[in-house]
C-alpha atoms as a PDB file:
ATOM      1  CA  MET A   1      54.397 -34.441   4.483  1.00  0.00           C
ATOM      2  CA  THR A   2      51.163 -32.297   4.977  1.00  0.00           C
ATOM      3  CA  GLN A   3      48.427 -33.850   7.311  1.00  0.00           C
ATOM      4  CA  SER A   4      45.463 -34.709   6.209  1.00  0.00           C
ATOM      5  CA  LEU A   5      41.905 -32.315   7.140  1.00  0.00           C
ATOM      6  CA  ASN A   6      39.474 -34.115   8.867  1.00  0.00           C
ATOM      7  CA  LEU A   7      36.267 -33.066   6.409  1.00  0.00           C
ATOM      8  CA  ILE A   8      32.439 -32.874   6.367  1.00  0.00           C
ATOM      9  CA  PHE A   9      30.648 -32.591   2.858  1.00  0.00           C
ATOM     10  CA  CYS A  10      27.630 -31.709   3.002  1.00  0.00           C
ATOM     11  CA  GLY A  11      25.942 -31.857  -0.551  1.00  0.00           C
ATOM     12  CA  THR A  12      23.109 -33.065  -2.872  1.00  0.00           C
ATOM     13  CA  PRO A  13      22.836 -33.188  -6.720  1.00  0.00           C
ATOM     14  CA  ARG A  14      24.549 -34.401  -8.831  1.00  0.00           C
ATOM     15  CA  PHE A  15      26.911 -30.910  -9.643  1.00  0.00           C
ATOM     16  CA  ALA A  16      28.564 -31.828  -5.806  1.00  0.00           C
ATOM     17  CA  VAL A  17      29.586 -35.048  -7.276  1.00  0.00           C
ATOM     18  CA  PRO A  18      32.889 -34.454  -8.654  1.00  0.00           C
ATOM     19  CA  THR A  19      34.335 -32.344  -5.440  1.00  0.00           C
ATOM     20  CA  LEU A  20      33.346 -35.632  -3.221  1.00  0.00           C
ATOM     21  CA  ASP A  21      35.441 -37.284  -5.747  1.00  0.00           C
ATOM     22  CA  ARG A  22      38.108 -34.683  -5.985  1.00  0.00           C
ATOM     23  CA  LEU A  23      38.261 -34.972  -2.021  1.00  0.00           C
ATOM     24  CA  VAL A  24      38.474 -38.359  -1.835  1.00  0.00           C
ATOM     25  CA  GLU A  25      41.553 -38.730  -4.529  1.00  0.00           C
ATOM     26  CA  ALA A  26      42.794 -35.815  -2.769  1.00  0.00           C
ATOM     27  CA  GLY A  27      43.571 -37.948   0.360  1.00  0.00           C
ATOM     28  CA  PHE A  28      41.108 -35.489   2.674  1.00  0.00           C
ATOM     29  CA  ASP A  29      39.921 -37.490   5.595  1.00  0.00           C
ATOM     30  CA  VAL A  30      35.926 -37.207   4.532  1.00  0.00           C
ATOM     31  CA  GLN A  31      34.265 -38.487   7.996  1.00  0.00           C
ATOM     32  CA  VAL A  32      30.854 -38.397   6.796  1.00  0.00           C
ATOM     33  CA  VAL A  33      28.389 -37.358   3.939  1.00  0.00           C
ATOM     34  CA  VAL A  34      25.309 -35.275   4.552  1.00  0.00           C
ATOM     35  CA  THR A  35      22.821 -35.337   2.139  1.00  0.00           C
ATOM     36  CA  GLN A  36      19.025 -34.774   2.021  1.00  0.00           C
ATOM     37  CA  PRO A  37      16.907 -37.720   2.193  1.00  0.00           C
ATOM     38  CA  ASP A  38      15.737 -39.980  -0.252  1.00  0.00           C
ATOM     39  CA  ARG A  39      12.253 -38.440  -2.327  1.00  0.00           C
ATOM     40  CA  PRO A  40       9.564 -40.238  -4.077  1.00  0.00           C
ATOM     41  CA  LYS A  41       9.862 -39.439  -7.212  1.00  0.00           C
ATOM     42  CA  GLY A  42       8.695 -40.741 -10.778  1.00  0.00           C
ATOM     43  CA  ARG A  43       4.974 -42.066 -11.292  1.00  0.00           C
ATOM     44  CA  GLY A  44       5.313 -45.036  -8.747  1.00  0.00           C
ATOM     45  CA  LEU A  45       6.523 -42.461  -6.071  1.00  0.00           C
ATOM     46  CA  GLU A  46       9.376 -44.543  -5.434  1.00  0.00           C
ATOM     47  CA  LEU A  47      12.145 -43.017  -2.620  1.00  0.00           C
ATOM     48  CA  VAL A  48      15.118 -42.410  -4.943  1.00  0.00           C
ATOM     49  CA  SER A  49      18.563 -41.186  -3.266  1.00  0.00           C
ATOM     50  CA  SER A  50      20.733 -37.724  -4.172  1.00  0.00           C
ATOM     51  CA  PRO A  51      23.436 -38.432  -6.822  1.00  0.00           C
ATOM     52  CA  VAL A  52      25.956 -37.224  -3.581  1.00  0.00           C
ATOM     53  CA  LYS A  53      24.182 -40.190  -1.748  1.00  0.00           C
ATOM     54  CA  GLN A  54      24.561 -42.376  -4.490  1.00  0.00           C
ATOM     55  CA  GLN A  55      28.587 -41.807  -5.132  1.00  0.00           C
ATOM     56  CA  GLY A  56      28.720 -41.562  -1.046  1.00  0.00           C
ATOM     57  CA  LEU A  57      28.092 -45.243  -0.900  1.00  0.00           C
ATOM     58  CA  GLN A  58      30.221 -46.165  -3.746  1.00  0.00           C
ATOM     59  CA  LEU A  59      33.267 -44.204  -2.080  1.00  0.00           C
ATOM     60  CA  GLY A  60      32.229 -46.282   1.547  1.00  0.00           C
ATOM     61  CA  LEU A  61      31.486 -43.617   3.323  1.00  0.00           C
ATOM     62  CA  PRO A  62      28.436 -42.925   6.137  1.00  0.00           C
ATOM     63  CA  ILE A  63      25.958 -41.031   4.751  1.00  0.00           C
ATOM     64  CA  ILE A  64      23.563 -38.343   7.577  1.00  0.00           C
ATOM     65  CA  GLN A  65      20.290 -37.525   5.895  1.00  0.00           C
ATOM     66  CA  PRO A  66      18.425 -35.251   8.341  1.00  0.00           C
ATOM     67  CA  GLU A  67      15.171 -33.931   7.510  1.00  0.00           C
ATOM     68  CA  ASN A  68      16.196 -30.871   9.625  1.00  0.00           C
ATOM     69  CA  ILE A  69      19.420 -29.396  10.188  1.00  0.00           C
ATOM     70  CA  LYS A  70      18.512 -26.753  13.060  1.00  0.00           C
ATOM     71  CA  ASN A  71      17.215 -27.664  15.841  1.00  0.00           C
ATOM     72  CA  ASN A  72      18.453 -31.180  15.683  1.00  0.00           C
ATOM     73  CA  ASP A  73      20.256 -31.928  18.648  1.00  0.00           C
ATOM     74  CA  ALA A  74      21.106 -35.714  17.616  1.00  0.00           C
ATOM     75  CA  PHE A  75      22.155 -34.429  14.429  1.00  0.00           C
ATOM     76  CA  ARG A  76      24.799 -31.483  16.082  1.00  0.00           C
ATOM     77  CA  ALA A  77      26.017 -33.769  18.478  1.00  0.00           C
ATOM     78  CA  GLN A  78      27.048 -36.372  15.977  1.00  0.00           C
ATOM     79  CA  ILE A  79      28.534 -33.689  14.163  1.00  0.00           C
ATOM     80  CA  THR A  80      30.444 -31.656  17.125  1.00  0.00           C
ATOM     81  CA  ALA A  81      31.831 -35.010  17.854  1.00  0.00           C
ATOM     82  CA  LEU A  82      33.489 -35.901  14.353  1.00  0.00           C
ATOM     83  CA  LYS A  83      35.757 -32.428  15.152  1.00  0.00           C
ATOM     84  CA  PRO A  84      35.835 -31.721  11.572  1.00  0.00           C
ATOM     85  CA  ASP A  85      38.901 -29.179  10.691  1.00  0.00           C
ATOM     86  CA  ALA A  86      35.768 -27.801   8.056  1.00  0.00           C
ATOM     87  CA  ILE A  87      32.553 -28.452   6.518  1.00  0.00           C
ATOM     88  CA  ILE A  88      32.472 -28.406   2.962  1.00  0.00           C
ATOM     89  CA  VAL A  89      29.032 -27.222   1.048  1.00  0.00           C
ATOM     90  CA  VAL A  90      28.435 -27.689  -2.833  1.00  0.00           C
ATOM     91  CA  GLY A  91      24.328 -27.509  -3.302  1.00  0.00           C
ATOM     92  CA  TYR A  92      23.270 -28.870  -0.030  1.00  0.00           C
ATOM     93  CA  GLY A  93      19.765 -27.069  -0.203  1.00  0.00           C
ATOM     94  CA  ARG A  94      19.823 -26.268   3.710  1.00  0.00           C
ATOM     95  CA  ILE A  95      20.502 -23.516   5.546  1.00  0.00           C
ATOM     96  CA  ILE A  96      23.743 -23.912   7.112  1.00  0.00           C
ATOM     97  CA  PRO A  97      22.835 -23.260  10.644  1.00  0.00           C
ATOM     98  CA  GLN A  98      25.460 -20.863  12.542  1.00  0.00           C
ATOM     99  CA  TRP A  99      26.425 -23.723  15.181  1.00  0.00           C
ATOM    100  CA  MET A 100      27.765 -25.235  11.957  1.00  0.00           C
ATOM    101  CA  LEU A 101      29.156 -22.129  10.860  1.00  0.00           C
ATOM    102  CA  ASP A 102      31.322 -21.959  14.193  1.00  0.00           C
ATOM    103  CA  LEU A 103      32.477 -25.132  14.435  1.00  0.00           C
ATOM    104  CA  PRO A 104      35.143 -26.380  12.012  1.00  0.00           C
ATOM    105  CA  PRO A 105      38.199 -24.031  12.803  1.00  0.00           C
ATOM    106  CA  LEU A 106      38.611 -23.552   8.542  1.00  0.00           C
ATOM    107  CA  GLY A 107      35.014 -22.349   8.250  1.00  0.00           C
ATOM    108  CA  ASN A 108      32.073 -23.588   6.113  1.00  0.00           C
ATOM    109  CA  ILE A 109      33.635 -23.937   2.674  1.00  0.00           C
ATOM    110  CA  ASN A 110      31.145 -23.048   0.199  1.00  0.00           C
ATOM    111  CA  LEU A 111      31.656 -24.051  -3.442  1.00  0.00           C
ATOM    112  CA  HIS A 112      29.467 -21.728  -5.812  1.00  0.00           C
ATOM    113  CA  ALA A 113      28.537 -21.427  -9.503  1.00  0.00           C
ATOM    114  CA  SER A 114      29.074 -17.808 -10.109  1.00  0.00           C
ATOM    115  CA  LEU A 115      31.775 -14.759 -10.301  1.00  0.00           C
ATOM    116  CA  LEU A 116      30.703 -13.982  -6.561  1.00  0.00           C
ATOM    117  CA  PRO A 117      29.182 -11.446  -6.255  1.00  0.00           C
ATOM    118  CA  LYS A 118      27.227 -11.686  -9.808  1.00  0.00           C
ATOM    119  CA  TYR A 119      24.594 -14.759  -9.725  1.00  0.00           C
ATOM    120  CA  ARG A 120      24.099 -14.970  -5.828  1.00  0.00           C
ATOM    121  CA  GLY A 121      21.397 -17.077  -5.583  1.00  0.00           C
ATOM    122  CA  ALA A 122      19.892 -20.516  -6.234  1.00  0.00           C
ATOM    123  CA  ALA A 123      20.121 -21.079 -10.116  1.00  0.00           C
ATOM    124  CA  PRO A 124      23.385 -19.398 -10.823  1.00  0.00           C
ATOM    125  CA  ILE A 125      24.285 -21.201 -14.048  1.00  0.00           C
ATOM    126  CA  GLN A 126      20.843 -20.794 -15.550  1.00  0.00           C
ATOM    127  CA  TRP A 127      20.483 -16.901 -15.136  1.00  0.00           C
ATOM    128  CA  ALA A 128      24.283 -16.519 -16.142  1.00  0.00           C
ATOM    129  CA  ILE A 129      23.519 -17.837 -19.453  1.00  0.00           C
ATOM    130  CA  ALA A 130      19.437 -16.654 -19.767  1.00  0.00           C
ATOM    131  CA  ARG A 131      21.177 -12.913 -19.450  1.00  0.00           C
ATOM    132  CA  GLY A 132      23.946 -13.505 -22.389  1.00  0.00           C
ATOM    133  CA  GLU A 133      27.303 -13.951 -20.324  1.00  0.00           C
ATOM    134  CA  THR A 134      29.968 -15.133 -22.175  1.00  0.00           C
ATOM    135  CA  VAL A 135      32.077 -16.010 -19.385  1.00  0.00           C
ATOM    136  CA  THR A 136      31.477 -17.299 -15.719  1.00  0.00           C
ATOM    137  CA  GLY A 137      33.285 -19.718 -13.131  1.00  0.00           C
ATOM    138  CA  VAL A 138      33.249 -20.782  -9.906  1.00  0.00           C
ATOM    139  CA  THR A 139      33.839 -18.963  -6.499  1.00  0.00           C
ATOM    140  CA  THR A 140      34.672 -21.089  -3.410  1.00  0.00           C
ATOM    141  CA  MET A 141      33.811 -18.943  -0.131  1.00  0.00           C
ATOM    142  CA  LYS A 142      33.523 -18.966   3.313  1.00  0.00           C
ATOM    143  CA  LEU A 143      30.064 -19.034   4.116  1.00  0.00           C
ATOM    144  CA  ASN A 144      28.433 -16.821   6.289  1.00  0.00           C
ATOM    145  CA  ALA A 145      24.897 -16.154   7.675  1.00  0.00           C
ATOM    146  CA  GLY A 146      23.777 -14.130   4.118  1.00  0.00           C
ATOM    147  CA  LEU A 147      22.758 -15.677   1.038  1.00  0.00           C
ATOM    148  CA  ASP A 148      26.032 -16.434  -0.878  1.00  0.00           C
ATOM    149  CA  THR A 149      27.658 -12.914   0.882  1.00  0.00           C
ATOM    150  CA  GLY A 150      30.585 -14.570   2.195  1.00  0.00           C
ATOM    151  CA  ASP A 151      34.171 -13.929   1.869  1.00  0.00           C
ATOM    152  CA  ILE A 152      35.979 -15.157  -1.381  1.00  0.00           C
ATOM    153  CA  LEU A 153      38.765 -17.720  -1.157  1.00  0.00           C
ATOM    154  CA  LEU A 154      39.893 -18.527  -4.691  1.00  0.00           C
ATOM    155  CA  GLN A 155      37.524 -17.870  -8.505  1.00  0.00           C
ATOM    156  CA  GLN A 156      37.863 -19.605 -11.551  1.00  0.00           C
ATOM    157  CA  GLU A 157      36.579 -18.278 -15.016  1.00  0.00           C
ATOM    158  CA  ILE A 158      35.157 -20.502 -17.263  1.00  0.00           C
ATOM    159  CA  LEU A 159      33.790 -19.401 -21.030  1.00  0.00           C
ATOM    160  CA  ILE A 160      30.579 -19.846 -22.106  1.00  0.00           C
ATOM    161  CA  ASP A 161      30.106 -21.394 -25.880  1.00  0.00           C
ATOM    162  CA  PRO A 162      27.437 -20.100 -27.476  1.00  0.00           C
ATOM    163  CA  ASN A 163      25.270 -23.426 -27.647  1.00  0.00           C
ATOM    164  CA  ASP A 164      26.194 -24.383 -24.130  1.00  0.00           C
ATOM    165  CA  THR A 165      22.854 -25.027 -22.192  1.00  0.00           C
ATOM    166  CA  ALA A 166      22.613 -25.386 -18.653  1.00  0.00           C
ATOM    167  CA  GLU A 167      23.139 -29.106 -19.133  1.00  0.00           C
ATOM    168  CA  THR A 168      26.187 -29.035 -20.607  1.00  0.00           C
ATOM    169  CA  LEU A 169      27.584 -25.959 -18.706  1.00  0.00           C
ATOM    170  CA  ALA A 170      26.484 -27.404 -15.435  1.00  0.00           C
ATOM    171  CA  PRO A 171      29.371 -30.612 -15.733  1.00  0.00           C
ATOM    172  CA  LYS A 172      32.082 -28.083 -16.931  1.00  0.00           C
ATOM    173  CA  LEU A 173      31.852 -25.912 -13.910  1.00  0.00           C
ATOM    174  CA  ALA A 174      31.448 -29.112 -11.397  1.00  0.00           C
ATOM    175  CA  ALA A 175      34.845 -30.696 -12.775  1.00  0.00           C
ATOM    176  CA  VAL A 176      36.705 -27.122 -12.685  1.00  0.00           C
ATOM    177  CA  GLY A 177      35.125 -26.661  -9.135  1.00  0.00           C
ATOM    178  CA  ALA A 178      36.236 -29.549  -7.891  1.00  0.00           C
ATOM    179  CA  ASP A 179      39.948 -28.991  -8.319  1.00  0.00           C
ATOM    180  CA  LEU A 180      39.195 -25.446  -7.198  1.00  0.00           C
ATOM    181  CA  THR A 181      37.572 -26.511  -3.921  1.00  0.00           C
ATOM    182  CA  VAL A 182      40.487 -29.095  -3.565  1.00  0.00           C
ATOM    183  CA  GLU A 183      43.055 -25.818  -4.260  1.00  0.00           C
ATOM    184  CA  THR A 184      41.498 -23.920  -1.716  1.00  0.00           C
ATOM    185  CA  LEU A 185      42.327 -26.617   1.095  1.00  0.00           C
ATOM    186  CA  ARG A 186      45.364 -27.057   0.394  1.00  0.00           C
ATOM    187  CA  GLY A 187      45.798 -22.862   0.515  1.00  0.00           C
ATOM    188  CA  LEU A 188      44.063 -22.594   3.759  1.00  0.00           C
ATOM    189  CA  GLN A 189      45.844 -25.804   5.339  1.00  0.00           C
ATOM    190  CA  ALA A 190      49.505 -23.805   3.987  1.00  0.00           C
ATOM    191  CA  GLY A 191      48.433 -20.105   4.493  1.00  0.00           C
ATOM    192  CA  SER A 192      48.607 -18.741   1.036  1.00  0.00           C
ATOM    193  CA  VAL A 193      44.805 -18.328   0.730  1.00  0.00           C
ATOM    194  CA  HIS A 194      43.153 -15.680   2.079  1.00  0.00           C
ATOM    195  CA  PRO A 195      39.728 -14.828   2.347  1.00  0.00           C
ATOM    196  CA  ARG A 196      38.722 -11.472   0.980  1.00  0.00           C
ATOM    197  CA  GLN A 197      34.833  -9.990   1.233  1.00  0.00           C
ATOM    198  CA  GLN A 198      32.565  -9.368  -1.793  1.00  0.00           C
ATOM    199  CA  ASP A 199      31.973  -6.505  -2.944  1.00  0.00           C
ATOM    200  CA  HIS A 200      28.580  -6.270  -2.190  1.00  0.00           C
ATOM    201  CA  ALA A 201      27.503  -2.771  -4.168  1.00  0.00           C
ATOM    202  CA  GLU A 202      28.292  -5.189  -7.444  1.00  0.00           C
ATOM    203  CA  ALA A 203      26.128  -8.290  -6.201  1.00  0.00           C
ATOM    204  CA  THR A 204      23.355  -9.350  -8.377  1.00  0.00           C
ATOM    205  CA  LEU A 205      20.724 -12.267  -8.101  1.00  0.00           C
ATOM    206  CA  ALA A 206      20.081 -15.614  -9.808  1.00  0.00           C
ATOM    207  CA  PRO A 207      16.889 -16.253  -7.766  1.00  0.00           C
ATOM    208  CA  ILE A 208      15.557 -20.244  -8.039  1.00  0.00           C
ATOM    209  CA  LEU A 209      13.653 -20.795 -11.502  1.00  0.00           C
ATOM    210  CA  LYS A 210       9.809 -20.432 -11.169  1.00  0.00           C
ATOM    211  CA  LYS A 211       7.204 -22.112 -14.099  1.00  0.00           C
ATOM    212  CA  GLU A 212       7.090 -18.955 -15.814  1.00  0.00           C
ATOM    213  CA  ASP A 213      10.418 -17.945 -16.232  1.00  0.00           C
ATOM    214  CA  GLY A 214      10.194 -19.928 -19.044  1.00  0.00           C
ATOM    215  CA  LEU A 215       6.788 -18.626 -20.909  1.00  0.00           C
ATOM    216  CA  ILE A 216       8.240 -17.185 -24.063  1.00  0.00           C
ATOM    217  CA  ASP A 217       7.602 -13.315 -24.200  1.00  0.00           C
ATOM    218  CA  PHE A 218       7.826 -12.683 -27.774  1.00  0.00           C
ATOM    219  CA  SER A 219       8.273  -8.143 -27.067  1.00  0.00           C
ATOM    220  CA  ARG A 220      11.757  -9.315 -26.556  1.00  0.00           C
ATOM    221  CA  PRO A 221      14.617  -9.644 -28.910  1.00  0.00           C
ATOM    222  CA  ALA A 222      15.494 -12.674 -30.540  1.00  0.00           C
ATOM    223  CA  ALA A 223      18.526 -12.855 -28.844  1.00  0.00           C
ATOM    224  CA  GLU A 224      17.534 -12.703 -25.426  1.00  0.00           C
ATOM    225  CA  ILE A 225      14.796 -14.968 -25.835  1.00  0.00           C
ATOM    226  CA  LEU A 226      17.403 -17.702 -27.147  1.00  0.00           C
ATOM    227  CA  ASN A 227      19.566 -16.870 -24.269  1.00  0.00           C
ATOM    228  CA  ARG A 228      16.873 -17.435 -22.075  1.00  0.00           C
ATOM    229  CA  MET A 229      16.004 -21.301 -23.880  1.00  0.00           C
ATOM    230  CA  ARG A 230      19.258 -22.056 -23.400  1.00  0.00           C
ATOM    231  CA  GLY A 231      19.617 -21.754 -19.486  1.00  0.00           C
ATOM    232  CA  PHE A 232      16.248 -22.921 -18.928  1.00  0.00           C
ATOM    233  CA  GLN A 233      16.976 -26.515 -19.351  1.00  0.00           C
ATOM    234  CA  PRO A 234      15.643 -28.830 -18.990  1.00  0.00           C
ATOM    235  CA  TRP A 235      13.096 -26.683 -16.310  1.00  0.00           C
ATOM    236  CA  PRO A 236      11.523 -24.629 -17.072  1.00  0.00           C
ATOM    237  CA  GLY A 237      12.101 -24.505 -20.869  1.00  0.00           C
ATOM    238  CA  ALA A 238      10.602 -22.368 -22.984  1.00  0.00           C
ATOM    239  CA  TYR A 239       7.140 -23.187 -23.877  1.00  0.00           C
ATOM    240  CA  THR A 240       4.354 -20.803 -25.339  1.00  0.00           C
ATOM    241  CA  LYS A 241       0.472 -21.146 -26.893  1.00  0.00           C
ATOM    242  CA  PHE A 242      -0.790 -21.825 -30.669  1.00  0.00           C
ATOM    243  CA  ARG A 243      -4.353 -22.153 -30.765  1.00  0.00           C
ATOM    244  CA  GLY A 244      -5.026 -22.012 -26.953  1.00  0.00           C
ATOM    245  CA  LYS A 245      -2.256 -25.381 -26.356  1.00  0.00           C
ATOM    246  CA  ASN A 246       0.810 -25.293 -24.709  1.00  0.00           C
ATOM    247  CA  VAL A 247       3.511 -25.890 -27.117  1.00  0.00           C
ATOM    248  CA  HIS A 248       7.103 -26.587 -25.647  1.00  0.00           C
ATOM    249  CA  VAL A 249       9.969 -24.990 -28.141  1.00  0.00           C
ATOM    250  CA  TRP A 250      12.915 -26.693 -28.131  1.00  0.00           C
ATOM    251  CA  LYS A 251      15.371 -25.721 -30.853  1.00  0.00           C
ATOM    252  CA  ALA A 252      15.323 -22.161 -32.268  1.00  0.00           C
ATOM    253  CA  SER A 253      17.568 -19.478 -34.337  1.00  0.00           C
ATOM    254  CA  ALA A 254      18.058 -16.117 -34.573  1.00  0.00           C
ATOM    255  CA  LEU A 255      17.266 -13.846 -37.858  1.00  0.00           C
ATOM    256  CA  ASP A 256      17.965 -10.339 -38.982  1.00  0.00           C
ATOM    257  CA  ARG A 257      14.345 -10.157 -39.707  1.00  0.00           C
ATOM    258  CA  ALA A 258      11.367  -7.389 -38.806  1.00  0.00           C
ATOM    259  CA  LEU A 259       8.595  -9.288 -37.972  1.00  0.00           C
ATOM    260  CA  PRO A 260       5.489  -7.656 -35.462  1.00  0.00           C
ATOM    261  CA  SER A 261       5.886  -9.390 -32.604  1.00  0.00           C
ATOM    262  CA  SER A 262       4.499 -13.090 -32.394  1.00  0.00           C
ATOM    263  CA  GLU A 263       3.559 -13.254 -35.254  1.00  0.00           C
ATOM    264  CA  LEU A 264       3.974 -16.431 -37.035  1.00  0.00           C
ATOM    265  CA  MET A 265       5.386 -16.309 -40.966  1.00  0.00           C
ATOM    266  CA  VAL A 266       5.559 -19.437 -42.619  1.00  0.00           C
ATOM    267  CA  GLU A 267       8.400 -19.026 -45.814  1.00  0.00           C
ATOM    268  CA  GLY A 268       9.523 -22.044 -47.961  1.00  0.00           C
ATOM    269  CA  GLY A 269       8.602 -24.694 -45.712  1.00  0.00           C
ATOM    270  CA  ARG A 270      10.287 -22.567 -42.503  1.00  0.00           C
ATOM    271  CA  LEU A 271       8.238 -21.329 -39.292  1.00  0.00           C
ATOM    272  CA  LEU A 272       8.647 -18.031 -38.662  1.00  0.00           C
ATOM    273  CA  VAL A 273       8.067 -15.822 -35.920  1.00  0.00           C
ATOM    274  CA  GLY A 274       8.284 -12.263 -34.738  1.00  0.00           C
ATOM    275  CA  CYS A 275      10.435 -10.505 -31.863  1.00  0.00           C
ATOM    276  CA  GLY A 276      10.834  -7.526 -30.244  1.00  0.00           C
ATOM    277  CA  GLU A 277      13.680  -5.003 -31.343  1.00  0.00           C
ATOM    278  CA  ARG A 278      13.047  -5.764 -35.059  1.00  0.00           C
ATOM    279  CA  THR A 279      14.618  -9.302 -35.140  1.00  0.00           C
ATOM    280  CA  ALA A 280      12.879 -12.460 -35.799  1.00  0.00           C
ATOM    281  CA  ILE A 281      13.088 -16.150 -34.937  1.00  0.00           C
ATOM    282  CA  GLU A 282      12.918 -19.630 -37.088  1.00  0.00           C
ATOM    283  CA  LEU A 283      11.229 -22.439 -34.912  1.00  0.00           C
ATOM    284  CA  LEU A 284      13.128 -25.538 -35.509  1.00  0.00           C
ATOM    285  CA  GLU A 285      11.632 -27.715 -32.971  1.00  0.00           C
ATOM    286  CA  ALA A 286       8.636 -28.065 -31.042  1.00  0.00           C
ATOM    287  CA  GLN A 287       6.110 -30.083 -29.340  1.00  0.00           C
ATOM    288  CA  LEU A 288       2.522 -29.440 -28.983  1.00  0.00           C
ATOM    289  CA  GLU A 289       0.311 -29.987 -25.880  1.00  0.00           C
ATOM    290  CA  GLY A 290      -0.220 -33.707 -25.725  1.00  0.00           C
ATOM    291  CA  LYS A 291       2.139 -34.638 -28.722  1.00  0.00           C
ATOM    292  CA  LYS A 292       5.869 -35.556 -29.757  1.00  0.00           C
ATOM    293  CA  ARG A 293       8.378 -33.220 -30.352  1.00  0.00           C
ATOM    294  CA  THR A 294       8.749 -32.617 -33.493  1.00  0.00           C
ATOM    295  CA  SER A 295      10.441 -30.697 -36.368  1.00  0.00           C
ATOM    296  CA  ALA A 296       8.846 -26.934 -38.288  1.00  0.00           C
ATOM    297  CA  ALA A 297       8.019 -28.639 -41.387  1.00  0.00           C
ATOM    298  CA  ASP A 298       6.154 -31.443 -39.930  1.00  0.00           C
ATOM    299  CA  LEU A 299       4.038 -28.396 -37.696  1.00  0.00           C
ATOM    300  CA  ILE A 300       3.651 -26.501 -41.488  1.00  0.00           C
ATOM    301  CA  HIS A 301       1.970 -29.847 -42.414  1.00  0.00           C
ATOM    302  CA  GLY A 302       0.249 -31.117 -39.980  1.00  0.00           C
ATOM    303  CA  TYR A 303      -1.166 -27.241 -38.537  1.00  0.00           C
ATOM    304  CA  ARG A 304      -1.071 -25.307 -41.671  1.00  0.00           C
ATOM    305  CA  PRO A 305      -0.415 -22.056 -39.624  1.00  0.00           C
ATOM    306  CA  ARG A 306      -1.948 -19.365 -41.337  1.00  0.00           C
ATOM    307  CA  ALA A 307       0.300 -15.952 -41.882  1.00  0.00           C
ATOM    308  CA  GLY A 308      -0.683 -13.174 -38.754  1.00  0.00           C
ATOM    309  CA  GLU A 309      -1.253 -16.015 -37.017  1.00  0.00           C
ATOM    310  CA  ARG A 310       0.293 -15.092 -33.145  1.00  0.00           C
ATOM    311  CA  LEU A 311       1.665 -17.377 -30.990  1.00  0.00           C
ATOM    312  CA  GLY A 312       1.123 -16.774 -27.070  1.00  0.00           C
ATOM    313  CA  GLU A 313      -2.830 -17.179 -27.782  1.00  0.00           C
END
């Protein structure tokens, strides 16, 4: 029987939880879970534990929550003393320092939610949908000092459903990635998985999302606007202005209609808006600043948008 590997798990978000579960189920010795410190959230600013911490406690695993890992002698001594065979990193949210990269014989193994070298960075799931990809996947790789530039170990493709949002796609990728991480470790242990360099010339970036990424640019074609709406859920979403107030667009569909960019048109109880390249979208659900989410029909009834009015103004 293959000897169990001693692991350290570094992770924070919900995306990392299935991998932690699968490692424990597969019989690996997860010696400690390293996750971000509890953070204040909500109106009461109560301290909230990360999803990984919550699950680690459920599994009865030791938890460490250092604020800093690069120049932290106590943390370094604690991790070094555990003599891990590998360190597993899934969405931890900190740059792994060189001393950690050099520590375990099998290296620091990262699960990344894209088919590297595409979509390197903090938001690969969101940007893959926003840019209209129909296929994405997960990659296990050996971390190095660069931004998602380490050698690839294994990859697994997954189709992006036309109705997928970042919220629906993430759990699918997390589940596939959890199995792939176990397969990677077993392959490394058996000598059947071999690192291969990324083709850096093919790299694309998936930078951290900003509030302004959700601002709808109606000069874009309708399909691109809808892809960005799907990709940027739940944050920053998709928003514009109507009569000087912010309006969040929750649901819309594409139309093969030529309307002037950003111009509104009411047609038989439907609310249309022009987009780029002679396309349009139909607004289905929206939410005006300070109001409840509502249907387009209710918006028409309550605000009586006039033909020729524009969104974004």
